[in-house]
Amino acid sequence: MELKVNHLSKSFGTLKVFMQLNLSLQSGPIYCLMGPSGSGKTTFFRILLGLEQADSGFVEGLHGTRASAVFQENRLCESFTPVDNITMVIPGRSSRSRKQARGELLRLLPEEALSRPVSTLSGGMKRRVAIVRALSVPCDMILMDEPFTGLDENTKLTVIQYIKEKTRDKLVIISTHQEEDISLLNGTLMKL
């Protein structure tokens, strides 16, 4: 998959978020999007997902693209268990889907957390459920907006390994404020 961002501009009133943004992105590398707060990282993701319109410019290659995302907010069904949150996005929901969801979650969460409502989980555990859910959706492009929020260093390393394994041959963009994340992800730096 390949995306070409051509002269993309976005403002909110008099606030210019980004102007004349040009990028060429392709499947394979993990792109790490960095910039200060308010520089337009989330807005750029929202445009790629079709949730926001650019003021000018365009993105080639989005038509027919299946996208998945980890937003800054986890956007989980709080009364559902982690397994239920994952099973709902797996095509052809079945008992096999539940087993698959459970297996994926066990890679990042303790077993006792899998049968509890998400509302009872810590912030870091919720974040891991959101990541597994995004990576369980059949897609061509994955956007992750600060996915490591709330994770301690050891957990972050485990999650990064999981992301790298699950995103091979996909177009992946991860926004982060931590320069160390770029080297941990073997990422390609993009600045806004």
C-alpha atoms as a PDB file:
ATOM      1  CA  MET A   1       0.000   0.000   0.000  1.00  0.00           C
ATOM      2  CA  GLU A   2       1.163   3.522  -0.759  1.00  0.00           C
ATOM      3  CA  LEU A   3      -0.190   6.926   0.244  1.00  0.00           C
ATOM      4  CA  LYS A   4       0.850  10.258  -1.227  1.00  0.00           C
ATOM      5  CA  VAL A   5      -0.037  13.336   0.787  1.00  0.00           C
ATOM      6  CA  ASN A   6      -0.134  16.315  -1.568  1.00  0.00           C
ATOM      7  CA  HIS A   7      -0.122  19.932  -0.317  1.00  0.00           C
ATOM      8  CA  LEU A   8      -2.425  19.090   2.605  1.00  0.00           C
ATOM      9  CA  SER A   9      -3.457  22.084   4.715  1.00  0.00           C
ATOM     10  CA  LYS A  10      -5.743  22.373   7.717  1.00  0.00           C
ATOM     11  CA  SER A  11      -6.764  25.319   9.884  1.00  0.00           C
ATOM     12  CA  PHE A  12      -9.289  25.829  12.639  1.00  0.00           C
ATOM     13  CA  GLY A  13     -10.364  29.445  12.274  1.00  0.00           C
ATOM     14  CA  THR A  14      -7.200  31.524  12.407  1.00  0.00           C
ATOM     15  CA  LEU A  15      -5.142  28.644  13.862  1.00  0.00           C
ATOM     16  CA  LYS A  16      -3.087  27.032  11.080  1.00  0.00           C
ATOM     17  CA  VAL A  17      -2.510  23.419  12.118  1.00  0.00           C
ATOM     18  CA  PHE A  18      -0.332  22.446   9.148  1.00  0.00           C
ATOM     19  CA  MET A  19       0.264  23.947   5.719  1.00  0.00           C
ATOM     20  CA  GLN A  20       1.238  22.352   2.415  1.00  0.00           C
ATOM     21  CA  LEU A  21       2.105  18.971   3.973  1.00  0.00           C
ATOM     22  CA  ASN A  22       3.707  16.589   1.467  1.00  0.00           C
ATOM     23  CA  LEU A  23       4.551  12.980   2.333  1.00  0.00           C
ATOM     24  CA  SER A  24       5.021   9.666   0.580  1.00  0.00           C
ATOM     25  CA  LEU A  25       4.248   6.630   2.752  1.00  0.00           C
ATOM     26  CA  GLN A  26       4.284   2.927   1.989  1.00  0.00           C
ATOM     27  CA  SER A  27       3.706  -0.410   3.679  1.00  0.00           C
ATOM     28  CA  GLY A  28       6.636  -1.917   5.502  1.00  0.00           C
ATOM     29  CA  PRO A  29       8.344   0.644   7.709  1.00  0.00           C
ATOM     30  CA  ILE A  30       6.757   1.967  10.882  1.00  0.00           C
ATOM     31  CA  TYR A  31       6.464   5.730  10.610  1.00  0.00           C
ATOM     32  CA  CYS A  32       6.831   7.669  13.863  1.00  0.00           C
ATOM     33  CA  LEU A  33       5.003  10.991  13.727  1.00  0.00           C
ATOM     34  CA  MET A  34       6.457  13.573  16.077  1.00  0.00           C
ATOM     35  CA  GLY A  35       5.676  17.179  16.792  1.00  0.00           C
ATOM     36  CA  PRO A  36       4.779  19.379  19.724  1.00  0.00           C
ATOM     37  CA  SER A  37       1.269  19.272  21.165  1.00  0.00           C
ATOM     38  CA  GLY A  38      -1.087  21.106  18.848  1.00  0.00           C
ATOM     39  CA  SER A  39       1.044  20.535  15.739  1.00  0.00           C
ATOM     40  CA  GLY A  40      -1.682  18.512  14.024  1.00  0.00           C
ATOM     41  CA  LYS A  41      -0.790  14.848  14.597  1.00  0.00           C
ATOM     42  CA  THR A  42      -4.297  13.840  15.680  1.00  0.00           C
ATOM     43  CA  THR A  43      -5.872  16.056  13.015  1.00  0.00           C
ATOM     44  CA  PHE A  44      -3.714  14.386  10.352  1.00  0.00           C
ATOM     45  CA  PHE A  45      -4.886  10.967  11.563  1.00  0.00           C
ATOM     46  CA  ARG A  46      -8.511  12.139  11.525  1.00  0.00           C
ATOM     47  CA  ILE A  47      -8.104  13.270   7.902  1.00  0.00           C
ATOM     48  CA  LEU A  48      -6.605   9.899   6.915  1.00  0.00           C
ATOM     49  CA  LEU A  49      -9.534   8.140   8.625  1.00  0.00           C
ATOM     50  CA  GLY A  50     -12.100  10.361   6.883  1.00  0.00           C
ATOM     51  CA  LEU A  51     -13.270  11.882  10.181  1.00  0.00           C
ATOM     52  CA  GLU A  52     -12.026  15.369   9.258  1.00  0.00           C
ATOM     53  CA  GLN A  53     -11.727  17.253   5.954  1.00  0.00           C
ATOM     54  CA  ALA A  54      -8.573  19.067   4.859  1.00  0.00           C
ATOM     55  CA  ASP A  55      -8.946  22.687   3.803  1.00  0.00           C
ATOM     56  CA  SER A  56      -6.871  22.041   0.689  1.00  0.00           C
ATOM     57  CA  GLY A  57      -4.691  19.354  -0.808  1.00  0.00           C
ATOM     58  CA  PHE A  58      -5.456  15.668  -1.080  1.00  0.00           C
ATOM     59  CA  VAL A  59      -4.263  12.180  -0.198  1.00  0.00           C
ATOM     60  CA  GLU A  60      -3.782   9.644  -2.990  1.00  0.00           C
ATOM     61  CA  GLY A  61      -4.254   5.962  -2.200  1.00  0.00           C
ATOM     62  CA  LEU A  62      -6.968   6.149   0.465  1.00  0.00           C
ATOM     63  CA  HIS A  63      -9.827   4.924  -1.745  1.00  0.00           C
ATOM     64  CA  GLY A  64     -10.725   1.372  -0.721  1.00  0.00           C
ATOM     65  CA  THR A  65      -8.202   1.373   2.141  1.00  0.00           C
ATOM     66  CA  ARG A  66      -9.247  -0.541   5.237  1.00  0.00           C
ATOM     67  CA  ALA A  67      -7.988   1.347   8.272  1.00  0.00           C
ATOM     68  CA  SER A  68      -7.777   0.617  11.974  1.00  0.00           C
ATOM     69  CA  ALA A  69      -6.838   3.004  14.767  1.00  0.00           C
ATOM     70  CA  VAL A  70      -5.821   3.399  18.365  1.00  0.00           C
ATOM     71  CA  PHE A  71      -7.119   6.810  19.419  1.00  0.00           C
ATOM     72  CA  GLN A  72      -5.814   8.890  22.321  1.00  0.00           C
ATOM     73  CA  GLU A  73      -8.924   7.762  24.193  1.00  0.00           C
ATOM     74  CA  ASN A  74      -9.275   3.977  24.357  1.00  0.00           C
ATOM     75  CA  ARG A  75     -12.878   3.956  23.042  1.00  0.00           C
ATOM     76  CA  LEU A  76     -13.632   0.539  24.511  1.00  0.00           C
ATOM     77  CA  CYS A  77     -17.015  -0.844  25.549  1.00  0.00           C
ATOM     78  CA  GLU A  78     -16.493  -0.403  29.290  1.00  0.00           C
ATOM     79  CA  SER A  79     -19.127  -2.933  30.407  1.00  0.00           C
ATOM     80  CA  PHE A  80     -17.723  -5.637  28.094  1.00  0.00           C
ATOM     81  CA  THR A  81     -14.791  -7.890  28.974  1.00  0.00           C
ATOM     82  CA  PRO A  82     -11.528  -7.524  27.043  1.00  0.00           C
ATOM     83  CA  VAL A  83     -12.390 -10.735  25.161  1.00  0.00           C
ATOM     84  CA  ASP A  84     -15.779  -9.299  24.133  1.00  0.00           C
ATOM     85  CA  ASN A  85     -14.133  -6.034  23.007  1.00  0.00           C
ATOM     86  CA  ILE A  86     -11.840  -7.994  20.690  1.00  0.00           C
ATOM     87  CA  THR A  87     -14.368 -10.579  19.495  1.00  0.00           C
ATOM     88  CA  MET A  88     -16.685  -7.841  18.216  1.00  0.00           C
ATOM     89  CA  VAL A  89     -14.137  -6.783  15.561  1.00  0.00           C
ATOM     90  CA  ILE A  90     -13.095 -10.245  14.361  1.00  0.00           C
ATOM     91  CA  PRO A  91     -14.967 -11.187  11.164  1.00  0.00           C
ATOM     92  CA  GLY A  92     -17.287 -14.194  11.407  1.00  0.00           C
ATOM     93  CA  ARG A  93     -17.720 -14.062  15.171  1.00  0.00           C
ATOM     94  CA  SER A  94     -17.739 -17.577  16.602  1.00  0.00           C
ATOM     95  CA  SER A  95     -16.363 -19.608  19.480  1.00  0.00           C
ATOM     96  CA  ARG A  96     -13.131 -19.771  17.470  1.00  0.00           C
ATOM     97  CA  SER A  97     -13.088 -15.946  17.439  1.00  0.00           C
ATOM     98  CA  ARG A  98     -13.348 -15.895  21.235  1.00  0.00           C
ATOM     99  CA  LYS A  99     -10.458 -18.349  21.490  1.00  0.00           C
ATOM    100  CA  GLN A 100      -8.418 -16.225  19.068  1.00  0.00           C
ATOM    101  CA  ALA A 101      -9.213 -13.023  21.021  1.00  0.00           C
ATOM    102  CA  ARG A 102      -8.270 -14.687  24.287  1.00  0.00           C
ATOM    103  CA  GLY A 103      -4.959 -15.910  22.857  1.00  0.00           C
ATOM    104  CA  GLU A 104      -4.044 -12.438  21.586  1.00  0.00           C
ATOM    105  CA  LEU A 105      -4.978 -10.743  24.850  1.00  0.00           C
ATOM    106  CA  LEU A 106      -2.968 -13.232  26.921  1.00  0.00           C
ATOM    107  CA  ARG A 107       0.143 -11.990  25.157  1.00  0.00           C
ATOM    108  CA  LEU A 108      -0.311  -8.575  26.783  1.00  0.00           C
ATOM    109  CA  LEU A 109      -2.586  -9.045  29.821  1.00  0.00           C
ATOM    110  CA  PRO A 110      -2.752 -11.336  32.860  1.00  0.00           C
ATOM    111  CA  GLU A 111      -5.387 -14.077  32.548  1.00  0.00           C
ATOM    112  CA  GLU A 112      -7.439 -12.794  35.499  1.00  0.00           C
ATOM    113  CA  ALA A 113      -8.104  -9.527  33.606  1.00  0.00           C
ATOM    114  CA  LEU A 114      -9.761 -11.214  30.625  1.00  0.00           C
ATOM    115  CA  SER A 115     -13.118 -11.951  32.269  1.00  0.00           C
ATOM    116  CA  ARG A 116     -13.558  -8.632  34.095  1.00  0.00           C
ATOM    117  CA  PRO A 117     -15.445  -5.650  32.689  1.00  0.00           C
ATOM    118  CA  VAL A 118     -13.018  -3.235  31.034  1.00  0.00           C
ATOM    119  CA  SER A 119     -14.222  -0.527  33.450  1.00  0.00           C
ATOM    120  CA  THR A 120     -12.366  -2.372  36.257  1.00  0.00           C
ATOM    121  CA  LEU A 121      -9.010  -2.433  34.449  1.00  0.00           C
ATOM    122  CA  SER A 122      -6.137  -0.001  34.972  1.00  0.00           C
ATOM    123  CA  GLY A 123      -5.404   2.642  32.319  1.00  0.00           C
ATOM    124  CA  GLY A 124      -2.419   0.666  31.033  1.00  0.00           C
ATOM    125  CA  MET A 125      -4.474  -2.517  30.753  1.00  0.00           C
ATOM    126  CA  LYS A 126      -7.217  -0.660  28.852  1.00  0.00           C
ATOM    127  CA  ARG A 127      -4.550   0.691  26.506  1.00  0.00           C
ATOM    128  CA  ARG A 128      -3.343  -2.834  25.766  1.00  0.00           C
ATOM    129  CA  VAL A 129      -6.920  -3.975  25.021  1.00  0.00           C
ATOM    130  CA  ALA A 130      -7.314  -1.029  22.613  1.00  0.00           C
ATOM    131  CA  ILE A 131      -4.058  -2.002  20.865  1.00  0.00           C
ATOM    132  CA  VAL A 132      -5.038  -5.668  20.521  1.00  0.00           C
ATOM    133  CA  ARG A 133      -8.456  -4.630  19.210  1.00  0.00           C
ATOM    134  CA  ALA A 134      -6.940  -2.324  16.569  1.00  0.00           C
ATOM    135  CA  LEU A 135      -4.536  -5.047  15.467  1.00  0.00           C
ATOM    136  CA  SER A 136      -7.318  -7.657  15.277  1.00  0.00           C
ATOM    137  CA  VAL A 137      -9.240  -5.742  12.594  1.00  0.00           C
ATOM    138  CA  PRO A 138      -8.475  -6.808   9.015  1.00  0.00           C
ATOM    139  CA  CYS A 139      -6.841  -3.675   7.581  1.00  0.00           C
ATOM    140  CA  ASP A 140      -4.222  -2.194   5.271  1.00  0.00           C
ATOM    141  CA  MET A 141      -3.363   0.863   7.383  1.00  0.00           C
ATOM    142  CA  ILE A 142      -2.986   1.238  11.153  1.00  0.00           C
ATOM    143  CA  LEU A 143      -2.851   4.614  12.885  1.00  0.00           C
ATOM    144  CA  MET A 144      -1.879   4.759  16.555  1.00  0.00           C
ATOM    145  CA  ASP A 145      -2.175   8.039  18.437  1.00  0.00           C
ATOM    146  CA  GLU A 146       0.217   7.877  21.405  1.00  0.00           C
ATOM    147  CA  PRO A 147      -0.359   4.152  22.011  1.00  0.00           C
ATOM    148  CA  PHE A 148       2.163   3.821  24.852  1.00  0.00           C
ATOM    149  CA  THR A 149       0.401   6.196  27.253  1.00  0.00           C
ATOM    150  CA  GLY A 150       0.058   4.570  30.672  1.00  0.00           C
ATOM    151  CA  LEU A 151       2.515   1.739  30.001  1.00  0.00           C
ATOM    152  CA  ASP A 152       5.575   1.099  32.167  1.00  0.00           C
ATOM    153  CA  GLU A 153       8.881   0.495  30.374  1.00  0.00           C
ATOM    154  CA  ASN A 154       8.804  -3.327  30.458  1.00  0.00           C
ATOM    155  CA  THR A 155       5.198  -3.476  29.292  1.00  0.00           C
ATOM    156  CA  LYS A 156       5.969  -0.941  26.558  1.00  0.00           C
ATOM    157  CA  LEU A 157       8.758  -3.173  25.235  1.00  0.00           C
ATOM    158  CA  THR A 158       6.391  -6.162  25.132  1.00  0.00           C
ATOM    159  CA  VAL A 159       3.723  -4.091  23.373  1.00  0.00           C
ATOM    160  CA  ILE A 160       6.226  -2.755  20.834  1.00  0.00           C
ATOM    161  CA  GLN A 161       7.333  -6.294  19.986  1.00  0.00           C
ATOM    162  CA  TYR A 162       3.672  -7.279  19.568  1.00  0.00           C
ATOM    163  CA  ILE A 163       2.996  -4.283  17.295  1.00  0.00           C
ATOM    164  CA  LYS A 164       6.044  -5.019  15.136  1.00  0.00           C
ATOM    165  CA  GLU A 165       4.978  -8.643  14.735  1.00  0.00           C
ATOM    166  CA  LYS A 166       1.349  -7.833  13.909  1.00  0.00           C
ATOM    167  CA  THR A 167       1.935  -4.984  11.461  1.00  0.00           C
ATOM    168  CA  ARG A 168       4.301  -6.519   8.939  1.00  0.00           C
ATOM    169  CA  ASP A 169       3.317  -5.526   5.389  1.00  0.00           C
ATOM    170  CA  LYS A 170       0.891  -2.849   6.596  1.00  0.00           C
ATOM    171  CA  LEU A 171       1.144   0.930   6.450  1.00  0.00           C
ATOM    172  CA  VAL A 172       1.705   1.959  10.088  1.00  0.00           C
ATOM    173  CA  ILE A 173       1.907   5.458  11.536  1.00  0.00           C
ATOM    174  CA  ILE A 174       2.428   5.932  15.278  1.00  0.00           C
ATOM    175  CA  SER A 175       2.404   9.356  16.923  1.00  0.00           C
ATOM    176  CA  THR A 176       4.687   9.724  19.904  1.00  0.00           C
ATOM    177  CA  HIS A 177       6.397  12.373  22.000  1.00  0.00           C
ATOM    178  CA  GLN A 178       9.265  10.037  22.975  1.00  0.00           C
ATOM    179  CA  GLU A 179      12.341   9.943  20.717  1.00  0.00           C
ATOM    180  CA  GLU A 180      13.336   6.584  22.222  1.00  0.00           C
ATOM    181  CA  ASP A 181      10.173   5.061  20.722  1.00  0.00           C
ATOM    182  CA  ILE A 182      11.572   5.626  17.233  1.00  0.00           C
ATOM    183  CA  SER A 183      14.596   3.414  17.890  1.00  0.00           C
ATOM    184  CA  LEU A 184      12.548   0.818  19.814  1.00  0.00           C
ATOM    185  CA  LEU A 185      10.175   0.553  16.832  1.00  0.00           C
ATOM    186  CA  ASN A 186      13.001   0.714  14.274  1.00  0.00           C
ATOM    187  CA  GLY A 187      10.833   3.538  13.011  1.00  0.00           C
ATOM    188  CA  THR A 188      11.154   6.187  10.364  1.00  0.00           C
ATOM    189  CA  LEU A 189      10.820   9.708  11.779  1.00  0.00           C
ATOM    190  CA  MET A 190       8.191  12.098  10.364  1.00  0.00           C
ATOM    191  CA  LYS A 191       7.875  15.574  11.847  1.00  0.00           C
ATOM    192  CA  LEU A 192       4.881  17.894  11.818  1.00  0.00           C
END
